[in-house]
Amino acid sequence: MFGNYLIGLREGLEASLVVCILVAYLVKTGRRDALRPVWTGIGVAVAVSLAFGAALEFGSQELTFEAQELLGGSLSIVAVVLVTWMVFWMRRTARHLRAELHGRLDAALRMGTGALVATAFLAVGREGLETALFVWASVRASSDGTYAPLTGVLLGLLTAVLLGRLFYRGAVRINLASFFTWTGGMLVVVAAGVLAYGVHDLQEARFLDGLANKAFDVSATIPPDSWYGTLLKGVFNFQPNPTVLQVTVWALYLVPTLALFLAPIGSGPSVRVKKQKATDEKADAEASSGTTA
């Protein structure tokens, strides 16, 4: 459940921050008239994400067992690729996310209502689709016959919405770069488990060989139905009897990915980001002087 809570919190907080930045910028610059198309784009993005998640869940139930395993394994791998890209991208841009979004919003304001809807939809929709796919893959991997995995995701999303509201009101301030670094590292560990489970699905679908070639079997020591077995499965997608291929893929993904993710970032912000940041600081200064006057 903790692993799924982390997914909901991390992915939901990214979307919440994007919404807060867009809305706060429009309010601060006196463009409240543009809030309606922005909220429209956000609403459409949420609806599309929910529809995508429902299609994954209910559409796969009509397939044969092998087709379900093939689809589940393939989408699990796609989800891991997207989430890996996302955590690296967010770690690099967390410090400059506001400047980048402000630049896109300024361009959309010059183009009109349709551009505002599209900007909000793309900014939130990308997060929503990634979240729907990874949540589906993770819940499927850690499902133990209860609603605990899905409950963890929903609690994480609710926490993210609450934090987003507090950020907007200025009641909470945290170092976002550090937050996304730590949660991103934990998410890489969760993704490694989802990847291993996806490989197992492909083996059960007979797309990959080696299903009977077990790396080890500690089912007697760590029973899957025990509280600690359930905890390990919920947090790390741990399997007491993985195949050799699962363990190999898990290690080949986790070790280099985590090492690269935790390595220091060498490059600074782009010229465009620096320019937009300077523009934002100038606007803040003018707004402050106007208020003082």
C-alpha atoms as a PDB file:
ATOM      1  CA  MET A   1       0.000   0.000   0.000  1.00  0.00           C
ATOM      2  CA  PHE A   2       2.873   2.400   0.774  1.00  0.00           C
ATOM      3  CA  GLY A   3       4.325   2.010  -2.701  1.00  0.00           C
ATOM      4  CA  ASN A   4       0.987   2.870  -4.290  1.00  0.00           C
ATOM      5  CA  TYR A   5       0.513   5.773  -1.849  1.00  0.00           C
ATOM      6  CA  LEU A   6       3.907   7.103  -2.938  1.00  0.00           C
ATOM      7  CA  ILE A   7       2.875   6.882  -6.600  1.00  0.00           C
ATOM      8  CA  GLY A   8      -0.361   8.769  -5.954  1.00  0.00           C
ATOM      9  CA  LEU A   9       1.436  11.402  -3.853  1.00  0.00           C
ATOM     10  CA  ARG A  10       4.315  11.957  -6.250  1.00  0.00           C
ATOM     11  CA  GLU A  11       2.305  12.004  -9.478  1.00  0.00           C
ATOM     12  CA  GLY A  12      -0.593  13.910  -7.945  1.00  0.00           C
ATOM     13  CA  LEU A  13       1.682  16.556  -6.447  1.00  0.00           C
ATOM     14  CA  GLU A  14       3.279  17.222  -9.825  1.00  0.00           C
ATOM     15  CA  ALA A  15      -0.135  17.832 -11.372  1.00  0.00           C
ATOM     16  CA  SER A  16      -1.219  19.949  -8.380  1.00  0.00           C
ATOM     17  CA  LEU A  17       1.892  22.122  -8.654  1.00  0.00           C
ATOM     18  CA  VAL A  18       1.284  22.657 -12.366  1.00  0.00           C
ATOM     19  CA  VAL A  19      -2.302  23.760 -11.659  1.00  0.00           C
ATOM     20  CA  CYS A  20      -1.193  26.065  -8.820  1.00  0.00           C
ATOM     21  CA  ILE A  21       1.469  27.702 -10.977  1.00  0.00           C
ATOM     22  CA  LEU A  22      -0.908  28.304 -13.886  1.00  0.00           C
ATOM     23  CA  VAL A  23      -3.737  29.695 -11.739  1.00  0.00           C
ATOM     24  CA  ALA A  24      -1.485  31.823  -9.498  1.00  0.00           C
ATOM     25  CA  TYR A  25       0.245  33.393 -12.507  1.00  0.00           C
ATOM     26  CA  LEU A  26      -3.044  34.384 -14.140  1.00  0.00           C
ATOM     27  CA  VAL A  27      -4.379  35.839 -10.889  1.00  0.00           C
ATOM     28  CA  LYS A  28      -1.173  37.746 -10.169  1.00  0.00           C
ATOM     29  CA  THR A  29      -1.032  39.245 -13.670  1.00  0.00           C
ATOM     30  CA  GLY A  30      -4.676  40.300 -13.585  1.00  0.00           C
ATOM     31  CA  ARG A  31      -5.834  37.808 -16.244  1.00  0.00           C
ATOM     32  CA  ARG A  32      -8.691  36.210 -14.347  1.00  0.00           C
ATOM     33  CA  ASP A  33     -10.631  36.129 -17.615  1.00  0.00           C
ATOM     34  CA  ALA A  34      -8.281  33.365 -18.747  1.00  0.00           C
ATOM     35  CA  LEU A  35      -9.031  31.142 -15.750  1.00  0.00           C
ATOM     36  CA  ARG A  36     -12.112  29.548 -17.339  1.00  0.00           C
ATOM     37  CA  PRO A  37     -10.310  28.132 -20.423  1.00  0.00           C
ATOM     38  CA  VAL A  38      -7.449  26.973 -18.191  1.00  0.00           C
ATOM     39  CA  TRP A  39      -9.839  25.133 -15.860  1.00  0.00           C
ATOM     40  CA  THR A  40     -11.585  23.706 -18.934  1.00  0.00           C
ATOM     41  CA  GLY A  41      -8.300  22.283 -20.183  1.00  0.00           C
ATOM     42  CA  ILE A  42      -7.551  20.866 -16.737  1.00  0.00           C
ATOM     43  CA  GLY A  43     -11.008  19.265 -16.511  1.00  0.00           C
ATOM     44  CA  VAL A  44     -10.662  17.671 -19.948  1.00  0.00           C
ATOM     45  CA  ALA A  45      -7.218  16.329 -18.999  1.00  0.00           C
ATOM     46  CA  VAL A  46      -8.581  14.741 -15.808  1.00  0.00           C
ATOM     47  CA  ALA A  47     -11.527  13.207 -17.708  1.00  0.00           C
ATOM     48  CA  VAL A  48      -9.245  11.758 -20.411  1.00  0.00           C
ATOM     49  CA  SER A  49      -6.908  10.309 -17.760  1.00  0.00           C
ATOM     50  CA  LEU A  50      -9.805   8.649 -15.910  1.00  0.00           C
ATOM     51  CA  ALA A  51     -11.198   7.284 -19.171  1.00  0.00           C
ATOM     52  CA  PHE A  52      -7.774   5.911 -20.087  1.00  0.00           C
ATOM     53  CA  GLY A  53      -7.473   4.176 -16.717  1.00  0.00           C
ATOM     54  CA  ALA A  54     -10.990   2.707 -17.036  1.00  0.00           C
ATOM     55  CA  ALA A  55     -10.217   1.461 -20.541  1.00  0.00           C
ATOM     56  CA  LEU A  56      -7.091  -0.302 -19.267  1.00  0.00           C
ATOM     57  CA  GLU A  57      -8.950  -1.937 -16.382  1.00  0.00           C
ATOM     58  CA  PHE A  58     -12.185  -3.019 -18.052  1.00  0.00           C
ATOM     59  CA  GLY A  59     -10.895  -3.497 -21.584  1.00  0.00           C
ATOM     60  CA  SER A  60      -8.308  -6.056 -20.510  1.00  0.00           C
ATOM     61  CA  GLN A  61     -10.951  -8.207 -18.790  1.00  0.00           C
ATOM     62  CA  GLU A  62     -12.382  -9.253 -22.151  1.00  0.00           C
ATOM     63  CA  LEU A  63      -9.109 -10.828 -23.267  1.00  0.00           C
ATOM     64  CA  THR A  64      -7.872 -14.393 -22.856  1.00  0.00           C
ATOM     65  CA  PHE A  65      -5.465 -15.154 -20.002  1.00  0.00           C
ATOM     66  CA  GLU A  66      -2.368 -15.125 -22.213  1.00  0.00           C
ATOM     67  CA  ALA A  67      -3.507 -11.937 -23.961  1.00  0.00           C
ATOM     68  CA  GLN A  68      -4.085 -10.286 -20.575  1.00  0.00           C
ATOM     69  CA  GLU A  69      -0.608 -11.257 -19.409  1.00  0.00           C
ATOM     70  CA  LEU A  70       0.947 -10.044 -22.669  1.00  0.00           C
ATOM     71  CA  LEU A  71      -0.881  -6.711 -22.447  1.00  0.00           C
ATOM     72  CA  GLY A  72      -0.142  -6.305 -18.744  1.00  0.00           C
ATOM     73  CA  GLY A  73       3.548  -7.118 -19.147  1.00  0.00           C
ATOM     74  CA  SER A  74       3.980  -4.825 -22.142  1.00  0.00           C
ATOM     75  CA  LEU A  75       2.198  -1.885 -20.503  1.00  0.00           C
ATOM     76  CA  SER A  76       4.141  -2.422 -17.270  1.00  0.00           C
ATOM     77  CA  ILE A  77       7.382  -1.979 -19.202  1.00  0.00           C
ATOM     78  CA  VAL A  78       6.015   1.100 -20.984  1.00  0.00           C
ATOM     79  CA  ALA A  79       4.909   2.527 -17.620  1.00  0.00           C
ATOM     80  CA  VAL A  80       8.384   2.007 -16.135  1.00  0.00           C
ATOM     81  CA  VAL A  81       9.997   3.751 -19.127  1.00  0.00           C
ATOM     82  CA  LEU A  82       7.644   6.749 -18.811  1.00  0.00           C
ATOM     83  CA  VAL A  83       8.029   7.028 -15.047  1.00  0.00           C
ATOM     84  CA  THR A  84      11.820   6.757 -15.292  1.00  0.00           C
ATOM     85  CA  TRP A  85      11.883   9.564 -17.841  1.00  0.00           C
ATOM     86  CA  MET A  86       9.517  11.600 -15.668  1.00  0.00           C
ATOM     87  CA  VAL A  87      11.559  11.365 -12.452  1.00  0.00           C
ATOM     88  CA  PHE A  88      14.749  12.369 -14.271  1.00  0.00           C
ATOM     89  CA  TRP A  89      12.970  15.249 -16.040  1.00  0.00           C
ATOM     90  CA  MET A  90      11.349  16.524 -12.842  1.00  0.00           C
ATOM     91  CA  ARG A  91      14.570  16.350 -10.862  1.00  0.00           C
ATOM     92  CA  ARG A  92      16.330  18.465 -13.482  1.00  0.00           C
ATOM     93  CA  THR A  93      13.534  21.022 -13.948  1.00  0.00           C
ATOM     94  CA  ALA A  94      11.966  21.210 -10.463  1.00  0.00           C
ATOM     95  CA  ARG A  95      13.856  24.412  -9.631  1.00  0.00           C
ATOM     96  CA  HIS A  96      12.780  26.082 -12.881  1.00  0.00           C
ATOM     97  CA  LEU A  97       9.306  24.600 -13.428  1.00  0.00           C
ATOM     98  CA  ARG A  98       7.519  27.866 -12.692  1.00  0.00           C
ATOM     99  CA  ALA A  99       9.554  29.842 -15.235  1.00  0.00           C
ATOM    100  CA  GLU A 100       8.956  27.239 -17.945  1.00  0.00           C
ATOM    101  CA  LEU A 101       5.188  27.152 -17.362  1.00  0.00           C
ATOM    102  CA  HIS A 102       5.003  30.947 -17.265  1.00  0.00           C
ATOM    103  CA  GLY A 103       6.711  31.118 -20.643  1.00  0.00           C
ATOM    104  CA  ARG A 104       4.227  28.660 -22.168  1.00  0.00           C
ATOM    105  CA  LEU A 105       1.295  30.504 -20.611  1.00  0.00           C
ATOM    106  CA  ASP A 106       2.475  33.871 -21.929  1.00  0.00           C
ATOM    107  CA  ALA A 107       2.626  32.423 -25.435  1.00  0.00           C
ATOM    108  CA  ALA A 108      -0.851  30.907 -25.052  1.00  0.00           C
ATOM    109  CA  LEU A 109      -2.308  34.218 -23.820  1.00  0.00           C
ATOM    110  CA  ARG A 110      -1.119  35.901 -27.003  1.00  0.00           C
ATOM    111  CA  MET A 111      -2.694  33.194 -29.180  1.00  0.00           C
ATOM    112  CA  GLY A 112      -6.166  33.091 -27.606  1.00  0.00           C
ATOM    113  CA  THR A 113      -8.655  30.906 -25.752  1.00  0.00           C
ATOM    114  CA  GLY A 114      -7.993  27.697 -27.684  1.00  0.00           C
ATOM    115  CA  ALA A 115      -4.284  27.908 -26.950  1.00  0.00           C
ATOM    116  CA  LEU A 116      -5.005  28.368 -23.227  1.00  0.00           C
ATOM    117  CA  VAL A 117      -7.196  25.260 -23.163  1.00  0.00           C
ATOM    118  CA  ALA A 118      -4.539  23.287 -25.047  1.00  0.00           C
ATOM    119  CA  THR A 119      -1.711  24.491 -22.785  1.00  0.00           C
ATOM    120  CA  ALA A 120      -3.554  23.503 -19.601  1.00  0.00           C
ATOM    121  CA  PHE A 121      -4.647  20.199 -21.135  1.00  0.00           C
ATOM    122  CA  LEU A 122      -1.128  19.258 -22.234  1.00  0.00           C
ATOM    123  CA  ALA A 123       0.490  20.373 -18.969  1.00  0.00           C
ATOM    124  CA  VAL A 124      -1.891  18.341 -16.791  1.00  0.00           C
ATOM    125  CA  GLY A 125      -2.825  15.625 -19.286  1.00  0.00           C
ATOM    126  CA  ARG A 126       0.709  14.321 -19.591  1.00  0.00           C
ATOM    127  CA  GLU A 127       0.897  13.859 -15.847  1.00  0.00           C
ATOM    128  CA  GLY A 128      -2.571  12.296 -15.787  1.00  0.00           C
ATOM    129  CA  LEU A 129      -1.914   9.728 -18.503  1.00  0.00           C
ATOM    130  CA  GLU A 130       1.417   8.740 -16.963  1.00  0.00           C
ATOM    131  CA  THR A 131      -0.272   8.417 -13.581  1.00  0.00           C
ATOM    132  CA  ALA A 132      -3.144   6.308 -14.936  1.00  0.00           C
ATOM    133  CA  LEU A 133      -0.768   3.906 -16.713  1.00  0.00           C
ATOM    134  CA  PHE A 134       1.698   3.510 -13.845  1.00  0.00           C
ATOM    135  CA  VAL A 135      -1.037   3.227 -11.225  1.00  0.00           C
ATOM    136  CA  TRP A 136      -2.746   0.523 -13.266  1.00  0.00           C
ATOM    137  CA  ALA A 137       0.507  -1.400 -13.675  1.00  0.00           C
ATOM    138  CA  SER A 138       1.518  -0.989 -10.020  1.00  0.00           C
ATOM    139  CA  VAL A 139      -1.892  -1.908  -8.588  1.00  0.00           C
ATOM    140  CA  ARG A 140      -1.984  -4.944 -10.859  1.00  0.00           C
ATOM    141  CA  ALA A 141       1.500  -5.975  -9.705  1.00  0.00           C
ATOM    142  CA  SER A 142       0.830  -5.508  -5.984  1.00  0.00           C
ATOM    143  CA  SER A 143      -2.803  -6.644  -5.909  1.00  0.00           C
ATOM    144  CA  ASP A 144      -3.476  -9.054  -3.047  1.00  0.00           C
ATOM    145  CA  GLY A 145      -7.190  -9.511  -3.599  1.00  0.00           C
ATOM    146  CA  THR A 146      -8.117  -6.452  -1.515  1.00  0.00           C
ATOM    147  CA  TYR A 147      -8.687  -2.773  -2.217  1.00  0.00           C
ATOM    148  CA  ALA A 148      -5.542  -1.782  -0.296  1.00  0.00           C
ATOM    149  CA  PRO A 149      -3.396  -0.942  -3.388  1.00  0.00           C
ATOM    150  CA  LEU A 150      -6.090   1.285  -4.897  1.00  0.00           C
ATOM    151  CA  THR A 151      -6.806   2.825  -1.488  1.00  0.00           C
ATOM    152  CA  GLY A 152      -3.129   3.728  -1.189  1.00  0.00           C
ATOM    153  CA  VAL A 153      -3.230   5.478  -4.568  1.00  0.00           C
ATOM    154  CA  LEU A 154      -6.385   7.435  -3.685  1.00  0.00           C
ATOM    155  CA  LEU A 155      -4.940   8.516  -0.312  1.00  0.00           C
ATOM    156  CA  GLY A 156      -1.785   9.679  -2.079  1.00  0.00           C
ATOM    157  CA  LEU A 157      -3.796  11.703  -4.607  1.00  0.00           C
ATOM    158  CA  LEU A 158      -5.911  13.282  -1.847  1.00  0.00           C
ATOM    159  CA  THR A 159      -2.758  14.213   0.071  1.00  0.00           C
ATOM    160  CA  ALA A 160      -1.328  15.749  -3.103  1.00  0.00           C
ATOM    161  CA  VAL A 161      -4.471  17.833  -3.663  1.00  0.00           C
ATOM    162  CA  LEU A 162      -4.368  19.048  -0.049  1.00  0.00           C
ATOM    163  CA  LEU A 163      -0.686  19.970  -0.322  1.00  0.00           C
ATOM    164  CA  GLY A 164      -1.331  21.739  -3.615  1.00  0.00           C
ATOM    165  CA  ARG A 165      -4.021  23.859  -1.992  1.00  0.00           C
ATOM    166  CA  LEU A 166      -1.713  24.698   0.906  1.00  0.00           C
ATOM    167  CA  PHE A 167       1.069  25.627  -1.542  1.00  0.00           C
ATOM    168  CA  TYR A 168      -1.301  27.964  -3.369  1.00  0.00           C
ATOM    169  CA  ARG A 169      -2.302  29.687  -0.144  1.00  0.00           C
ATOM    170  CA  GLY A 170       1.333  29.961   0.954  1.00  0.00           C
ATOM    171  CA  ALA A 171       0.705  27.883   4.076  1.00  0.00           C
ATOM    172  CA  VAL A 172       3.336  25.262   3.201  1.00  0.00           C
ATOM    173  CA  ARG A 173       6.829  25.722   1.762  1.00  0.00           C
ATOM    174  CA  ILE A 174       9.222  22.857   1.082  1.00  0.00           C
ATOM    175  CA  ASN A 175      12.343  22.386  -0.989  1.00  0.00           C
ATOM    176  CA  LEU A 176      10.771  20.883  -4.103  1.00  0.00           C
ATOM    177  CA  ALA A 177      14.110  19.838  -5.594  1.00  0.00           C
ATOM    178  CA  SER A 178      14.940  17.765  -2.494  1.00  0.00           C
ATOM    179  CA  PHE A 179      11.394  16.424  -2.262  1.00  0.00           C
ATOM    180  CA  PHE A 180      11.388  15.195  -5.853  1.00  0.00           C
ATOM    181  CA  THR A 181      14.886  13.745  -5.473  1.00  0.00           C
ATOM    182  CA  TRP A 182      13.952  11.605  -2.451  1.00  0.00           C
ATOM    183  CA  THR A 183      10.538  10.546  -3.714  1.00  0.00           C
ATOM    184  CA  GLY A 184      11.972   9.959  -7.172  1.00  0.00           C
ATOM    185  CA  GLY A 185      14.591   7.612  -5.744  1.00  0.00           C
ATOM    186  CA  MET A 186      11.913   5.633  -3.909  1.00  0.00           C
ATOM    187  CA  LEU A 187       9.788   5.600  -7.052  1.00  0.00           C
ATOM    188  CA  VAL A 188      12.680   4.061  -8.994  1.00  0.00           C
ATOM    189  CA  VAL A 189      12.687   1.203  -6.464  1.00  0.00           C
ATOM    190  CA  VAL A 190       8.942   0.736  -6.927  1.00  0.00           C
ATOM    191  CA  ALA A 191       9.376   0.867 -10.716  1.00  0.00           C
ATOM    192  CA  ALA A 192      11.996  -1.898 -10.531  1.00  0.00           C
ATOM    193  CA  GLY A 193       9.409  -4.148  -8.879  1.00  0.00           C
ATOM    194  CA  VAL A 194       6.798  -3.263 -11.513  1.00  0.00           C
ATOM    195  CA  LEU A 195       9.337  -4.059 -14.239  1.00  0.00           C
ATOM    196  CA  ALA A 196      10.113  -7.465 -12.724  1.00  0.00           C
ATOM    197  CA  TYR A 197       6.392  -8.212 -12.468  1.00  0.00           C
ATOM    198  CA  GLY A 198       5.950  -7.180 -16.106  1.00  0.00           C
ATOM    199  CA  VAL A 199       8.665  -9.624 -17.143  1.00  0.00           C
ATOM    200  CA  HIS A 200       6.861 -12.354 -15.189  1.00  0.00           C
ATOM    201  CA  ASP A 201       3.647 -11.511 -17.068  1.00  0.00           C
ATOM    202  CA  LEU A 202       5.451 -11.858 -20.393  1.00  0.00           C
ATOM    203  CA  GLN A 203       6.794 -15.224 -19.260  1.00  0.00           C
ATOM    204  CA  GLU A 204       3.300 -16.396 -18.319  1.00  0.00           C
ATOM    205  CA  ALA A 205       2.092 -15.236 -21.733  1.00  0.00           C
ATOM    206  CA  ARG A 206       4.816 -17.455 -23.238  1.00  0.00           C
ATOM    207  CA  PHE A 207       6.342 -14.420 -24.917  1.00  0.00           C
ATOM    208  CA  LEU A 208       9.534 -14.927 -22.899  1.00  0.00           C
ATOM    209  CA  ASP A 209      11.065 -18.225 -21.771  1.00  0.00           C
ATOM    210  CA  GLY A 210      12.329 -19.255 -18.348  1.00  0.00           C
ATOM    211  CA  LEU A 211       9.117 -19.344 -16.302  1.00  0.00           C
ATOM    212  CA  ALA A 212      10.172 -22.568 -14.564  1.00  0.00           C
ATOM    213  CA  ASN A 213      13.764 -21.389 -14.001  1.00  0.00           C
ATOM    214  CA  LYS A 214      13.544 -19.946 -10.481  1.00  0.00           C
ATOM    215  CA  ALA A 215      16.311 -17.807  -9.022  1.00  0.00           C
ATOM    216  CA  PHE A 216      15.278 -18.769  -5.464  1.00  0.00           C
ATOM    217  CA  ASP A 217      12.211 -19.725  -3.482  1.00  0.00           C
ATOM    218  CA  VAL A 218      11.742 -18.357   0.031  1.00  0.00           C
ATOM    219  CA  SER A 219       7.985 -18.947   0.181  1.00  0.00           C
ATOM    220  CA  ALA A 220       8.414 -21.050   3.326  1.00  0.00           C
ATOM    221  CA  THR A 221      10.387 -18.289   5.075  1.00  0.00           C
ATOM    222  CA  ILE A 222       8.351 -15.356   3.729  1.00  0.00           C
ATOM    223  CA  PRO A 223       4.816 -16.652   3.064  1.00  0.00           C
ATOM    224  CA  PRO A 224       2.990 -14.382   0.572  1.00  0.00           C
ATOM    225  CA  ASP A 225      -0.080 -14.300   2.834  1.00  0.00           C
ATOM    226  CA  SER A 226       1.876 -13.266   5.979  1.00  0.00           C
ATOM    227  CA  TRP A 227       1.822  -9.652   7.181  1.00  0.00           C
ATOM    228  CA  TYR A 228       5.487  -9.132   6.322  1.00  0.00           C
ATOM    229  CA  GLY A 229       5.088 -10.872   2.963  1.00  0.00           C
ATOM    230  CA  THR A 230       2.154  -8.585   2.182  1.00  0.00           C
ATOM    231  CA  LEU A 231       4.177  -5.563   3.335  1.00  0.00           C
ATOM    232  CA  LEU A 232       7.134  -6.456   1.109  1.00  0.00           C
ATOM    233  CA  LYS A 233       4.862  -7.041  -1.864  1.00  0.00           C
ATOM    234  CA  GLY A 234       2.972  -3.790  -1.282  1.00  0.00           C
ATOM    235  CA  VAL A 235       6.102  -1.657  -0.951  1.00  0.00           C
ATOM    236  CA  PHE A 236       8.624  -3.355  -3.259  1.00  0.00           C
ATOM    237  CA  ASN A 237       6.429  -5.731  -5.322  1.00  0.00           C
ATOM    238  CA  PHE A 238       8.530  -8.493  -3.744  1.00  0.00           C
ATOM    239  CA  GLN A 239       7.947 -12.015  -5.029  1.00  0.00           C
ATOM    240  CA  PRO A 240       9.245 -14.946  -2.909  1.00  0.00           C
ATOM    241  CA  ASN A 241       9.909 -17.172  -5.938  1.00  0.00           C
ATOM    242  CA  PRO A 242      11.065 -14.983  -8.863  1.00  0.00           C
ATOM    243  CA  THR A 243      12.570 -16.337 -12.045  1.00  0.00           C
ATOM    244  CA  VAL A 244      16.209 -15.808 -12.979  1.00  0.00           C
ATOM    245  CA  LEU A 245      15.160 -13.410 -15.730  1.00  0.00           C
ATOM    246  CA  GLN A 246      13.085 -11.333 -13.308  1.00  0.00           C
ATOM    247  CA  VAL A 247      15.981 -10.922 -10.862  1.00  0.00           C
ATOM    248  CA  THR A 248      18.404 -10.132 -13.682  1.00  0.00           C
ATOM    249  CA  VAL A 249      16.168  -7.454 -15.217  1.00  0.00           C
ATOM    250  CA  TRP A 250      15.392  -6.004 -11.766  1.00  0.00           C
ATOM    251  CA  ALA A 251      19.099  -5.628 -10.928  1.00  0.00           C
ATOM    252  CA  LEU A 252      20.090  -4.321 -14.382  1.00  0.00           C
ATOM    253  CA  TYR A 253      17.431  -1.612 -14.105  1.00  0.00           C
ATOM    254  CA  LEU A 254      17.665  -0.649 -10.434  1.00  0.00           C
ATOM    255  CA  VAL A 255      21.419  -0.342  -9.870  1.00  0.00           C
ATOM    256  CA  PRO A 256      22.433   1.901 -12.826  1.00  0.00           C
ATOM    257  CA  THR A 257      19.175   3.906 -12.810  1.00  0.00           C
ATOM    258  CA  LEU A 258      19.407   4.710  -9.111  1.00  0.00           C
ATOM    259  CA  ALA A 259      23.110   5.560  -9.436  1.00  0.00           C
ATOM    260  CA  LEU A 260      22.443   7.955 -12.329  1.00  0.00           C
ATOM    261  CA  PHE A 261      19.443   9.495 -10.601  1.00  0.00           C
ATOM    262  CA  LEU A 262      21.321  10.223  -7.371  1.00  0.00           C
ATOM    263  CA  ALA A 263      24.404  11.569  -9.191  1.00  0.00           C
ATOM    264  CA  PRO A 264      24.913  15.371  -9.006  1.00  0.00           C
ATOM    265  CA  ILE A 265      23.305  17.403 -11.775  1.00  0.00           C
ATOM    266  CA  GLY A 266      26.007  19.115 -13.811  1.00  0.00           C
ATOM    267  CA  SER A 267      24.093  21.446 -16.110  1.00  0.00           C
ATOM    268  CA  GLY A 268      22.225  24.589 -15.109  1.00  0.00           C
ATOM    269  CA  PRO A 269      19.017  26.103 -16.441  1.00  0.00           C
ATOM    270  CA  SER A 270      18.664  26.879 -20.133  1.00  0.00           C
ATOM    271  CA  VAL A 271      18.926  30.421 -21.535  1.00  0.00           C
ATOM    272  CA  ARG A 272      15.154  30.485 -22.141  1.00  0.00           C
ATOM    273  CA  VAL A 273      14.462  29.512 -18.537  1.00  0.00           C
ATOM    274  CA  LYS A 274      16.885  32.169 -17.234  1.00  0.00           C
ATOM    275  CA  LYS A 275      15.224  34.813 -19.409  1.00  0.00           C
ATOM    276  CA  GLN A 276      11.743  33.861 -18.249  1.00  0.00           C
ATOM    277  CA  LYS A 277      12.890  33.799 -14.618  1.00  0.00           C
ATOM    278  CA  ALA A 278      14.273  37.331 -14.986  1.00  0.00           C
ATOM    279  CA  THR A 279      10.952  38.447 -16.492  1.00  0.00           C
ATOM    280  CA  ASP A 280       9.053  36.925 -13.564  1.00  0.00           C
ATOM    281  CA  GLU A 281      11.325  38.626 -11.033  1.00  0.00           C
ATOM    282  CA  LYS A 282      10.838  41.971 -12.790  1.00  0.00           C
ATOM    283  CA  ALA A 283       7.045  41.511 -12.767  1.00  0.00           C
ATOM    284  CA  ASP A 284       7.159  40.655  -9.056  1.00  0.00           C
ATOM    285  CA  ALA A 285       9.192  43.777  -8.321  1.00  0.00           C
ATOM    286  CA  GLU A 286       6.816  46.000 -10.307  1.00  0.00           C
ATOM    287  CA  ALA A 287       3.810  44.469  -8.571  1.00  0.00           C
ATOM    288  CA  SER A 288       5.408  45.064  -5.168  1.00  0.00           C
ATOM    289  CA  SER A 289       6.256  48.712  -5.964  1.00  0.00           C
ATOM    290  CA  GLY A 290       2.731  49.278  -7.271  1.00  0.00           C
ATOM    291  CA  THR A 291       1.257  47.844  -4.080  1.00  0.00           C
ATOM    292  CA  THR A 292       3.520  50.012  -1.957  1.00  0.00           C
ATOM    293  CA  ALA A 293       2.547  53.129  -3.873  1.00  0.00           C
END
